[in-house]
Amino acid sequence: MDNDELKKETEQLIQDFLDGNSQAFNRLVLLYQTRIFNLALNYVKNQEEAKDLAQDIFVTVYRSLPKLREKEKFTSWLYQIAVNHCRNRYKKLSRRGYFSNVSLDDEESFLQISTDESPEKTLQRQNTINIVRATIASMGEAEKEIILLRDVQELAYEEISDILQIPLGTVKSKLNRARNALKDRLKKYYQDL
């Protein structure tokens, strides 16, 4: 499904939900649950915690959807809610020392590999993923967030602008700085960057 089809279906589902069709919301969740779960997983690094977080996000969306004025901006609005929930949960878990107990080699990692590669290649790729993930996780909140939204979630610059409530030019410049910072941090692992 391309972006235009997704947007049209989303707008129709929102209208159906507002007209009293509760199944429309279920379909809306199905359309966006993987994206929201992946975003949550990138923040909390644990599948069960990410599932709970995604569920909380959709409960908020369910309760707030009647207040949404511009149906065409649903995706940005959804991500705005999701990012706020993720930030809050991350801060709460950090205060409890939750992340000091999470291993980068955890089987439940948010980037899984399933290929027919040799064990050596798979191990090398997993190591690279772990290094990149750890490096992103060590970045400041603003840098990490903009990289997650653009490079992991693959959102458009305009959507990121709406989500973070910053001008489009600022999104581009912050993303450029964040990518450069990530590249600089990764240079200690990969000399040819």
N, C-alpha and C. Protein backbone atom coordinates (compact mmCIF):
# COMPACT_ATOMS: atom_id res chain seq x y z
N MET A 1 0.85 -1.18 0.00
CA MET A 1 0.00 0.00 0.00
C MET A 1 0.90 1.24 0.00
N ASP A 2 0.69 2.12 -0.98
CA ASP A 2 1.51 3.32 -1.03
C ASP A 2 0.96 4.38 -0.07
N ASN A 3 1.69 5.48 0.05
CA ASN A 3 1.32 6.53 1.02
C ASN A 3 -0.05 7.14 0.75
N ASP A 4 -0.37 7.38 -0.53
CA ASP A 4 -1.67 7.98 -0.85
C ASP A 4 -2.82 7.05 -0.49
N GLU A 5 -2.67 5.77 -0.80
CA GLU A 5 -3.70 4.79 -0.44
C GLU A 5 -3.86 4.70 1.07
N LEU A 6 -2.71 4.67 1.78
CA LEU A 6 -2.74 4.60 3.23
C LEU A 6 -3.44 5.82 3.81
N LYS A 7 -3.14 6.97 3.27
CA LYS A 7 -3.74 8.22 3.76
C LYS A 7 -5.25 8.22 3.54
N LYS A 8 -5.69 7.80 2.35
CA LYS A 8 -7.13 7.75 2.06
C LYS A 8 -7.84 6.76 2.96
N GLU A 9 -7.24 5.56 3.11
CA GLU A 9 -7.86 4.56 3.97
C GLU A 9 -7.92 5.05 5.41
N THR A 10 -6.85 5.68 5.86
CA THR A 10 -6.81 6.21 7.23
C THR A 10 -7.92 7.23 7.46
N GLU A 11 -8.05 8.17 6.54
CA GLU A 11 -9.08 9.20 6.68
C GLU A 11 -10.48 8.58 6.69
N GLN A 12 -10.70 7.57 5.85
CA GLN A 12 -12.01 6.91 5.82
C GLN A 12 -12.26 6.16 7.13
N LEU A 13 -11.25 5.49 7.63
CA LEU A 13 -11.40 4.76 8.89
C LEU A 13 -11.67 5.70 10.06
N ILE A 14 -11.02 6.83 10.06
CA ILE A 14 -11.27 7.82 11.11
C ILE A 14 -12.72 8.28 11.06
N GLN A 15 -13.19 8.59 9.86
CA GLN A 15 -14.58 9.04 9.71
C GLN A 15 -15.56 7.94 10.13
N ASP A 16 -15.27 6.71 9.72
CA ASP A 16 -16.13 5.58 10.11
C ASP A 16 -16.16 5.42 11.63
N PHE A 17 -15.01 5.55 12.26
CA PHE A 17 -14.93 5.45 13.72
C PHE A 17 -15.75 6.57 14.38
N LEU A 18 -15.59 7.77 13.87
CA LEU A 18 -16.33 8.91 14.44
C LEU A 18 -17.83 8.77 14.21
N ASP A 19 -18.19 8.02 13.16
CA ASP A 19 -19.61 7.76 12.88
C ASP A 19 -20.15 6.57 13.69
N GLY A 20 -19.33 5.98 14.55
CA GLY A 20 -19.81 4.94 15.44
C GLY A 20 -19.36 3.53 15.13
N ASN A 21 -18.54 3.33 14.12
CA ASN A 21 -18.06 2.00 13.77
C ASN A 21 -16.79 1.70 14.55
N SER A 22 -16.90 0.93 15.62
CA SER A 22 -15.73 0.65 16.47
C SER A 22 -14.73 -0.26 15.76
N GLN A 23 -15.17 -1.05 14.79
CA GLN A 23 -14.25 -1.91 14.04
C GLN A 23 -13.27 -1.09 13.21
N ALA A 24 -13.66 0.11 12.85
CA ALA A 24 -12.79 0.99 12.07
C ALA A 24 -11.52 1.31 12.86
N PHE A 25 -11.67 1.49 14.17
CA PHE A 25 -10.49 1.77 14.98
C PHE A 25 -9.56 0.56 15.02
N ASN A 26 -10.13 -0.64 15.09
CA ASN A 26 -9.32 -1.85 15.08
C ASN A 26 -8.48 -1.93 13.80
N ARG A 27 -9.09 -1.60 12.68
CA ARG A 27 -8.38 -1.61 11.40
C ARG A 27 -7.27 -0.53 11.40
N LEU A 28 -7.57 0.61 12.00
CA LEU A 28 -6.59 1.69 12.10
C LEU A 28 -5.37 1.23 12.90
N VAL A 29 -5.63 0.52 13.99
CA VAL A 29 -4.54 -0.02 14.80
C VAL A 29 -3.71 -0.99 13.98
N LEU A 30 -4.38 -1.86 13.23
CA LEU A 30 -3.66 -2.83 12.40
C LEU A 30 -2.75 -2.14 11.38
N LEU A 31 -3.20 -1.03 10.85
CA LEU A 31 -2.40 -0.30 9.86
C LEU A 31 -1.12 0.30 10.46
N TYR A 32 -1.19 0.70 11.72
CA TYR A 32 -0.08 1.46 12.31
C TYR A 32 0.64 0.75 13.45
N GLN A 33 0.16 -0.41 13.88
CA GLN A 33 0.74 -1.02 15.08
C GLN A 33 2.21 -1.40 14.94
N THR A 34 2.62 -1.87 13.78
CA THR A 34 4.02 -2.26 13.61
C THR A 34 4.93 -1.05 13.72
N ARG A 35 4.55 0.04 13.09
CA ARG A 35 5.37 1.26 13.16
C ARG A 35 5.50 1.77 14.59
N ILE A 36 4.36 1.80 15.28
CA ILE A 36 4.36 2.33 16.64
C ILE A 36 5.12 1.39 17.58
N PHE A 37 4.92 0.09 17.41
CA PHE A 37 5.65 -0.89 18.22
C PHE A 37 7.16 -0.73 18.00
N ASN A 38 7.59 -0.60 16.75
CA ASN A 38 9.02 -0.45 16.45
C ASN A 38 9.58 0.84 17.05
N LEU A 39 8.81 1.91 16.99
CA LEU A 39 9.25 3.16 17.61
C LEU A 39 9.43 2.95 19.12
N ALA A 40 8.43 2.34 19.74
CA ALA A 40 8.50 2.09 21.18
C ALA A 40 9.69 1.19 21.52
N LEU A 41 9.91 0.18 20.71
CA LEU A 41 11.01 -0.75 20.94
C LEU A 41 12.36 -0.05 20.85
N ASN A 42 12.47 0.91 19.97
CA ASN A 42 13.71 1.67 19.86
C ASN A 42 13.96 2.53 21.10
N TYR A 43 12.93 2.86 21.82
CA TYR A 43 13.10 3.62 23.05
C TYR A 43 13.37 2.71 24.25
N VAL A 44 12.56 1.67 24.42
CA VAL A 44 12.61 0.88 25.66
C VAL A 44 13.41 -0.41 25.55
N LYS A 45 13.75 -0.86 24.34
CA LYS A 45 14.66 -1.98 24.10
C LYS A 45 14.16 -3.33 24.65
N ASN A 46 12.89 -3.47 24.92
CA ASN A 46 12.35 -4.72 25.43
C ASN A 46 10.97 -4.94 24.80
N GLN A 47 10.75 -6.14 24.25
CA GLN A 47 9.52 -6.38 23.50
C GLN A 47 8.27 -6.25 24.36
N GLU A 48 8.29 -6.81 25.56
CA GLU A 48 7.09 -6.73 26.42
C GLU A 48 6.79 -5.29 26.83
N GLU A 49 7.84 -4.58 27.19
CA GLU A 49 7.68 -3.16 27.56
C GLU A 49 7.17 -2.36 26.36
N ALA A 50 7.70 -2.67 25.17
CA ALA A 50 7.27 -1.97 23.95
C ALA A 50 5.82 -2.28 23.62
N LYS A 51 5.39 -3.52 23.83
CA LYS A 51 3.98 -3.88 23.60
C LYS A 51 3.06 -3.09 24.53
N ASP A 52 3.44 -3.02 25.81
CA ASP A 52 2.65 -2.24 26.77
C ASP A 52 2.60 -0.77 26.38
N LEU A 53 3.74 -0.26 25.98
CA LEU A 53 3.83 1.15 25.59
C LEU A 53 2.97 1.42 24.35
N ALA A 54 3.05 0.55 23.35
CA ALA A 54 2.24 0.71 22.14
C ALA A 54 0.74 0.65 22.48
N GLN A 55 0.38 -0.23 23.37
CA GLN A 55 -1.02 -0.33 23.79
C GLN A 55 -1.47 0.96 24.47
N ASP A 56 -0.63 1.51 25.34
CA ASP A 56 -0.95 2.78 25.99
C ASP A 56 -1.12 3.90 24.97
N ILE A 57 -0.27 3.89 23.96
CA ILE A 57 -0.35 4.91 22.91
C ILE A 57 -1.69 4.81 22.19
N PHE A 58 -2.10 3.60 21.82
CA PHE A 58 -3.36 3.44 21.09
C PHE A 58 -4.58 3.71 21.98
N VAL A 59 -4.46 3.48 23.28
CA VAL A 59 -5.56 3.85 24.19
C VAL A 59 -5.72 5.37 24.18
N THR A 60 -4.61 6.08 24.23
CA THR A 60 -4.67 7.55 24.17
C THR A 60 -5.25 8.02 22.84
N VAL A 61 -4.85 7.38 21.75
CA VAL A 61 -5.37 7.73 20.43
C VAL A 61 -6.88 7.49 20.39
N TYR A 62 -7.31 6.36 20.91
CA TYR A 62 -8.74 6.03 20.93
C TYR A 62 -9.54 7.12 21.66
N ARG A 63 -9.03 7.53 22.80
CA ARG A 63 -9.73 8.53 23.60
C ARG A 63 -9.68 9.92 22.98
N SER A 64 -8.60 10.21 22.27
CA SER A 64 -8.40 11.56 21.75
C SER A 64 -8.85 11.75 20.31
N LEU A 65 -9.11 10.67 19.60
CA LEU A 65 -9.44 10.77 18.17
C LEU A 65 -10.62 11.70 17.87
N PRO A 66 -11.65 11.72 18.70
CA PRO A 66 -12.75 12.65 18.41
C PRO A 66 -12.33 14.13 18.42
N LYS A 67 -11.20 14.43 19.06
CA LYS A 67 -10.72 15.82 19.13
C LYS A 67 -9.82 16.19 17.95
N LEU A 68 -9.45 15.20 17.13
CA LEU A 68 -8.57 15.48 15.98
C LEU A 68 -9.33 16.31 14.96
N ARG A 69 -8.80 17.48 14.64
CA ARG A 69 -9.49 18.39 13.72
C ARG A 69 -9.15 18.12 12.26
N GLU A 70 -7.91 17.76 12.00
CA GLU A 70 -7.46 17.57 10.62
C GLU A 70 -7.11 16.10 10.40
N LYS A 71 -8.06 15.36 9.82
CA LYS A 71 -7.86 13.93 9.59
C LYS A 71 -6.65 13.65 8.70
N GLU A 72 -6.35 14.56 7.80
CA GLU A 72 -5.23 14.34 6.88
C GLU A 72 -3.87 14.40 7.60
N LYS A 73 -3.87 14.89 8.83
CA LYS A 73 -2.62 14.96 9.60
C LYS A 73 -2.57 13.88 10.67
N PHE A 74 -3.33 12.82 10.48
CA PHE A 74 -3.41 11.75 11.48
C PHE A 74 -2.04 11.16 11.80
N THR A 75 -1.25 10.85 10.79
CA THR A 75 0.04 10.19 11.02
C THR A 75 0.95 11.05 11.89
N SER A 76 1.02 12.33 11.58
CA SER A 76 1.84 13.23 12.40
C SER A 76 1.30 13.30 13.82
N TRP A 77 -0.01 13.39 13.93
CA TRP A 77 -0.66 13.46 15.24
C TRP A 77 -0.39 12.19 16.04
N LEU A 78 -0.50 11.04 15.38
CA LEU A 78 -0.24 9.75 16.03
C LEU A 78 1.20 9.68 16.53
N TYR A 79 2.13 10.06 15.67
CA TYR A 79 3.54 10.03 16.08
C TYR A 79 3.85 11.03 17.18
N GLN A 80 3.16 12.14 17.17
CA GLN A 80 3.36 13.12 18.24
C GLN A 80 2.97 12.50 19.59
N ILE A 81 1.83 11.83 19.60
CA ILE A 81 1.39 11.14 20.82
C ILE A 81 2.40 10.04 21.18
N ALA A 82 2.80 9.27 20.17
CA ALA A 82 3.73 8.15 20.41
C ALA A 82 5.07 8.64 20.96
N VAL A 83 5.62 9.67 20.35
CA VAL A 83 6.92 10.19 20.81
C VAL A 83 6.80 10.70 22.25
N ASN A 84 5.73 11.39 22.56
CA ASN A 84 5.55 11.89 23.93
C ASN A 84 5.45 10.74 24.93
N HIS A 85 4.68 9.71 24.58
CA HIS A 85 4.58 8.54 25.46
C HIS A 85 5.94 7.86 25.61
N CYS A 86 6.65 7.71 24.49
CA CYS A 86 7.96 7.06 24.52
C CYS A 86 8.95 7.84 25.38
N ARG A 87 8.96 9.15 25.21
CA ARG A 87 9.86 9.98 26.03
C ARG A 87 9.56 9.80 27.51
N ASN A 88 8.27 9.87 27.85
CA ASN A 88 7.88 9.75 29.25
C ASN A 88 8.23 8.38 29.83
N ARG A 89 7.96 7.31 29.07
CA ARG A 89 8.28 5.96 29.55
C ARG A 89 9.79 5.79 29.67
N TYR A 90 10.52 6.32 28.71
CA TYR A 90 11.98 6.21 28.76
C TYR A 90 12.53 6.90 30.02
N LYS A 91 12.04 8.10 30.29
CA LYS A 91 12.49 8.83 31.49
C LYS A 91 12.15 8.07 32.76
N LYS A 92 10.94 7.54 32.81
CA LYS A 92 10.48 6.78 33.98
C LYS A 92 11.36 5.54 34.19
N LEU A 93 11.61 4.80 33.12
CA LEU A 93 12.44 3.60 33.22
C LEU A 93 13.88 3.94 33.55
N SER A 94 14.39 5.04 33.01
CA SER A 94 15.76 5.46 33.29
C SER A 94 15.93 5.79 34.78
N ARG A 95 14.95 6.48 35.35
CA ARG A 95 15.02 6.82 36.77
C ARG A 95 15.06 5.56 37.64
N ARG A 96 14.44 4.50 37.17
CA ARG A 96 14.43 3.24 37.92
C ARG A 96 15.68 2.39 37.67
N GLY A 97 16.56 2.85 36.80
CA GLY A 97 17.77 2.10 36.49
C GLY A 97 17.53 0.93 35.55
N TYR A 98 16.42 0.95 34.86
CA TYR A 98 16.01 -0.15 33.98
C TYR A 98 17.04 -0.44 32.90
N PHE A 99 17.59 0.58 32.28
CA PHE A 99 18.47 0.39 31.13
C PHE A 99 19.86 -0.08 31.52
N SER A 100 20.23 0.04 32.76
CA SER A 100 21.54 -0.46 33.18
C SER A 100 21.55 -1.99 33.19
N ASN A 101 20.36 -2.61 33.15
CA ASN A 101 20.27 -4.07 33.17
C ASN A 101 19.98 -4.67 31.80
N VAL A 102 19.87 -3.85 30.76
CA VAL A 102 19.55 -4.35 29.42
C VAL A 102 20.84 -4.62 28.67
N SER A 103 21.00 -5.84 28.19
CA SER A 103 22.19 -6.23 27.45
C SER A 103 22.02 -5.91 25.97
N LEU A 104 23.08 -5.49 25.34
CA LEU A 104 23.03 -5.24 23.90
C LEU A 104 22.91 -6.53 23.11
N ASP A 105 23.26 -7.65 23.73
CA ASP A 105 23.19 -8.93 23.05
C ASP A 105 21.87 -9.66 23.33
N ASP A 106 20.94 -8.99 23.95
CA ASP A 106 19.66 -9.59 24.30
C ASP A 106 18.98 -10.16 23.06
N GLU A 107 18.45 -11.38 23.20
CA GLU A 107 17.73 -12.02 22.09
C GLU A 107 16.53 -11.19 21.64
N GLU A 108 15.97 -10.45 22.55
CA GLU A 108 14.78 -9.66 22.22
C GLU A 108 15.16 -8.31 21.65
N SER A 109 16.35 -8.21 21.10
CA SER A 109 16.80 -6.93 20.58
C SER A 109 15.85 -6.42 19.52
N PHE A 110 15.85 -5.12 19.32
CA PHE A 110 14.89 -4.53 18.40
C PHE A 110 15.30 -4.66 16.95
N LEU A 111 16.48 -5.17 16.68
CA LEU A 111 16.89 -5.47 15.31
C LEU A 111 17.26 -6.94 15.26
N GLN A 112 16.42 -7.73 14.65
CA GLN A 112 16.68 -9.17 14.54
C GLN A 112 17.16 -9.50 13.14
N ILE A 113 17.97 -10.53 13.06
CA ILE A 113 18.50 -10.95 11.78
C ILE A 113 17.96 -12.34 11.47
N SER A 114 17.42 -12.49 10.28
CA SER A 114 17.00 -13.82 9.85
C SER A 114 17.33 -13.94 8.36
N THR A 115 18.49 -14.50 8.10
CA THR A 115 18.94 -14.64 6.72
C THR A 115 19.55 -16.02 6.53
N ASP A 116 19.92 -16.30 5.31
CA ASP A 116 20.59 -17.55 5.01
C ASP A 116 22.10 -17.35 4.90
N GLU A 117 22.61 -16.31 5.56
CA GLU A 117 24.04 -16.03 5.53
C GLU A 117 24.80 -17.05 6.36
N SER A 118 26.10 -17.08 6.15
CA SER A 118 26.95 -17.94 6.96
C SER A 118 26.92 -17.43 8.40
N PRO A 119 27.22 -18.31 9.35
CA PRO A 119 27.24 -17.87 10.76
C PRO A 119 28.21 -16.72 11.00
N GLU A 120 29.35 -16.72 10.27
CA GLU A 120 30.32 -15.64 10.45
C GLU A 120 29.75 -14.30 9.99
N LYS A 121 29.10 -14.31 8.82
CA LYS A 121 28.48 -13.08 8.29
C LYS A 121 27.38 -12.60 9.23
N THR A 122 26.57 -13.54 9.71
CA THR A 122 25.47 -13.19 10.61
C THR A 122 26.02 -12.58 11.89
N LEU A 123 27.07 -13.16 12.42
CA LEU A 123 27.68 -12.64 13.65
C LEU A 123 28.27 -11.25 13.41
N GLN A 124 28.92 -11.08 12.26
CA GLN A 124 29.49 -9.77 11.92
C GLN A 124 28.38 -8.72 11.78
N ARG A 125 27.30 -9.09 11.11
CA ARG A 125 26.18 -8.16 10.94
C ARG A 125 25.55 -7.83 12.28
N GLN A 126 25.36 -8.83 13.15
CA GLN A 126 24.78 -8.60 14.47
C GLN A 126 25.68 -7.67 15.28
N ASN A 127 26.98 -7.87 15.18
CA ASN A 127 27.92 -7.01 15.88
C ASN A 127 27.80 -5.56 15.40
N THR A 128 27.71 -5.39 14.08
CA THR A 128 27.55 -4.05 13.51
C THR A 128 26.25 -3.41 14.00
N ILE A 129 25.18 -4.17 13.97
CA ILE A 129 23.88 -3.65 14.45
C ILE A 129 23.98 -3.25 15.91
N ASN A 130 24.61 -4.07 16.72
CA ASN A 130 24.75 -3.76 18.14
C ASN A 130 25.56 -2.48 18.36
N ILE A 131 26.61 -2.31 17.57
CA ILE A 131 27.44 -1.10 17.70
C ILE A 131 26.64 0.14 17.30
N VAL A 132 25.94 0.06 16.17
CA VAL A 132 25.14 1.20 15.71
C VAL A 132 24.03 1.50 16.72
N ARG A 133 23.36 0.47 17.18
CA ARG A 133 22.28 0.65 18.16
C ARG A 133 22.80 1.29 19.44
N ALA A 134 23.91 0.79 19.95
CA ALA A 134 24.48 1.34 21.18
C ALA A 134 24.91 2.79 20.97
N THR A 135 25.45 3.08 19.80
CA THR A 135 25.89 4.43 19.50
C THR A 135 24.70 5.38 19.42
N ILE A 136 23.63 4.97 18.75
CA ILE A 136 22.42 5.79 18.69
C ILE A 136 21.86 5.99 20.09
N ALA A 137 21.82 4.91 20.88
CA ALA A 137 21.28 5.00 22.24
C ALA A 137 22.08 5.95 23.11
N SER A 138 23.37 6.09 22.83
CA SER A 138 24.22 6.96 23.65
C SER A 138 24.12 8.44 23.26
N MET A 139 23.44 8.72 22.17
CA MET A 139 23.32 10.10 21.71
C MET A 139 22.32 10.87 22.58
N GLY A 140 22.36 12.16 22.46
CA GLY A 140 21.40 12.99 23.17
C GLY A 140 19.98 12.72 22.67
N GLU A 141 19.00 13.03 23.49
CA GLU A 141 17.61 12.71 23.16
C GLU A 141 17.17 13.30 21.83
N ALA A 142 17.49 14.55 21.57
CA ALA A 142 17.04 15.21 20.34
C ALA A 142 17.69 14.56 19.10
N GLU A 143 18.99 14.26 19.20
CA GLU A 143 19.68 13.63 18.07
C GLU A 143 19.12 12.24 17.81
N LYS A 144 18.98 11.47 18.88
CA LYS A 144 18.47 10.11 18.77
C LYS A 144 17.08 10.10 18.16
N GLU A 145 16.24 10.97 18.64
CA GLU A 145 14.85 11.02 18.20
C GLU A 145 14.73 11.33 16.71
N ILE A 146 15.48 12.29 16.24
CA ILE A 146 15.36 12.68 14.84
C ILE A 146 15.91 11.58 13.93
N ILE A 147 16.94 10.88 14.35
CA ILE A 147 17.45 9.75 13.57
C ILE A 147 16.43 8.62 13.55
N LEU A 148 15.82 8.33 14.70
CA LEU A 148 14.80 7.28 14.74
C LEU A 148 13.62 7.60 13.82
N LEU A 149 13.14 8.84 13.87
CA LEU A 149 11.97 9.21 13.07
C LEU A 149 12.27 9.18 11.58
N ARG A 150 13.44 9.67 11.18
CA ARG A 150 13.74 9.76 9.74
C ARG A 150 14.36 8.47 9.19
N ASP A 151 15.40 7.98 9.86
CA ASP A 151 16.18 6.88 9.29
C ASP A 151 15.68 5.50 9.68
N VAL A 152 15.00 5.38 10.81
CA VAL A 152 14.46 4.08 11.21
C VAL A 152 12.98 3.98 10.84
N GLN A 153 12.20 5.00 11.21
CA GLN A 153 10.77 4.99 10.89
C GLN A 153 10.48 5.46 9.47
N GLU A 154 11.45 6.10 8.84
CA GLU A 154 11.37 6.57 7.46
C GLU A 154 10.21 7.55 7.22
N LEU A 155 10.01 8.44 8.19
CA LEU A 155 8.99 9.47 8.05
C LEU A 155 9.50 10.61 7.17
N ALA A 156 8.58 11.28 6.51
CA ALA A 156 8.92 12.43 5.67
C ALA A 156 9.34 13.60 6.56
N TYR A 157 10.17 14.47 6.00
CA TYR A 157 10.62 15.65 6.75
C TYR A 157 9.44 16.47 7.26
N GLU A 158 8.40 16.61 6.43
CA GLU A 158 7.23 17.40 6.82
C GLU A 158 6.52 16.78 8.03
N GLU A 159 6.44 15.45 8.04
CA GLU A 159 5.81 14.77 9.18
C GLU A 159 6.63 14.98 10.44
N ILE A 160 7.94 14.88 10.31
CA ILE A 160 8.81 15.10 11.48
C ILE A 160 8.66 16.53 11.98
N SER A 161 8.54 17.46 11.07
CA SER A 161 8.32 18.86 11.43
C SER A 161 7.04 19.00 12.26
N ASP A 162 5.97 18.34 11.81
CA ASP A 162 4.69 18.38 12.55
C ASP A 162 4.82 17.69 13.91
N ILE A 163 5.46 16.53 13.94
CA ILE A 163 5.58 15.75 15.16
C ILE A 163 6.36 16.50 16.23
N LEU A 164 7.51 17.02 15.83
CA LEU A 164 8.39 17.69 16.79
C LEU A 164 8.06 19.17 16.95
N GLN A 165 7.15 19.66 16.11
CA GLN A 165 6.71 21.05 16.14
C GLN A 165 7.88 22.01 15.98
N ILE A 166 8.68 21.74 14.95
CA ILE A 166 9.79 22.61 14.60
C ILE A 166 9.74 22.86 13.09
N PRO A 167 10.31 23.98 12.63
CA PRO A 167 10.29 24.28 11.19
C PRO A 167 11.01 23.22 10.36
N LEU A 168 10.60 23.09 9.12
CA LEU A 168 11.16 22.11 8.19
C LEU A 168 12.68 22.28 8.05
N GLY A 169 13.13 23.49 7.91
CA GLY A 169 14.57 23.74 7.80
C GLY A 169 15.33 23.27 9.03
N THR A 170 14.72 23.44 10.19
CA THR A 170 15.34 22.99 11.44
C THR A 170 15.43 21.47 11.48
N VAL A 171 14.39 20.80 10.98
CA VAL A 171 14.43 19.33 10.91
C VAL A 171 15.63 18.89 10.09
N LYS A 172 15.79 19.49 8.91
CA LYS A 172 16.87 19.10 8.01
C LYS A 172 18.24 19.38 8.63
N SER A 173 18.38 20.54 9.25
CA SER A 173 19.69 20.86 9.84
C SER A 173 19.98 19.99 11.06
N LYS A 174 18.96 19.72 11.89
CA LYS A 174 19.16 18.86 13.06
C LYS A 174 19.49 17.43 12.63
N LEU A 175 18.81 16.96 11.58
CA LEU A 175 19.08 15.61 11.09
C LEU A 175 20.51 15.53 10.54
N ASN A 176 20.93 16.54 9.81
CA ASN A 176 22.29 16.56 9.28
C ASN A 176 23.32 16.53 10.42
N ARG A 177 23.09 17.35 11.44
CA ARG A 177 24.01 17.37 12.59
C ARG A 177 24.00 16.03 13.32
N ALA A 178 22.81 15.44 13.49
CA ALA A 178 22.70 14.15 14.19
C ALA A 178 23.40 13.05 13.40
N ARG A 179 23.23 13.04 12.09
CA ARG A 179 23.91 12.03 11.26
C ARG A 179 25.42 12.20 11.33
N ASN A 180 25.88 13.44 11.29
CA ASN A 180 27.32 13.69 11.39
C ASN A 180 27.86 13.26 12.75
N ALA A 181 27.09 13.53 13.80
CA ALA A 181 27.49 13.12 15.15
C ALA A 181 27.56 11.60 15.24
N LEU A 182 26.57 10.93 14.64
CA LEU A 182 26.57 9.46 14.64
C LEU A 182 27.78 8.93 13.87
N LYS A 183 28.04 9.53 12.72
CA LYS A 183 29.18 9.11 11.91
C LYS A 183 30.49 9.30 12.69
N ASP A 184 30.63 10.45 13.36
CA ASP A 184 31.84 10.71 14.15
C ASP A 184 32.01 9.68 15.27
N ARG A 185 30.91 9.34 15.92
CA ARG A 185 30.98 8.36 17.01
C ARG A 185 31.32 6.97 16.49
N LEU A 186 30.83 6.66 15.29
CA LEU A 186 31.09 5.33 14.72
C LEU A 186 32.50 5.19 14.15
N LYS A 187 33.20 6.32 13.94
CA LYS A 187 34.55 6.27 13.38
C LYS A 187 35.52 5.48 14.26
N LYS A 188 35.26 5.45 15.55
CA LYS A 188 36.18 4.69 16.42
C LYS A 188 36.04 3.18 16.18
N TYR A 189 34.93 2.75 15.58
CA TYR A 189 34.73 1.34 15.26
C TYR A 189 35.07 1.03 13.80
N TYR A 190 34.81 2.01 12.95
CA TYR A 190 34.98 1.81 11.52
C TYR A 190 35.82 2.96 10.96
N GLN A 191 37.07 2.71 10.73
CA GLN A 191 38.01 3.75 10.31
C GLN A 191 37.71 4.34 8.94
N ASP A 192 37.01 3.58 8.08
CA ASP A 192 36.79 4.03 6.70
C ASP A 192 35.54 4.88 6.51
N LEU A 193 34.92 5.33 7.58
CA LEU A 193 33.72 6.18 7.45
C LEU A 193 34.07 7.58 7.01
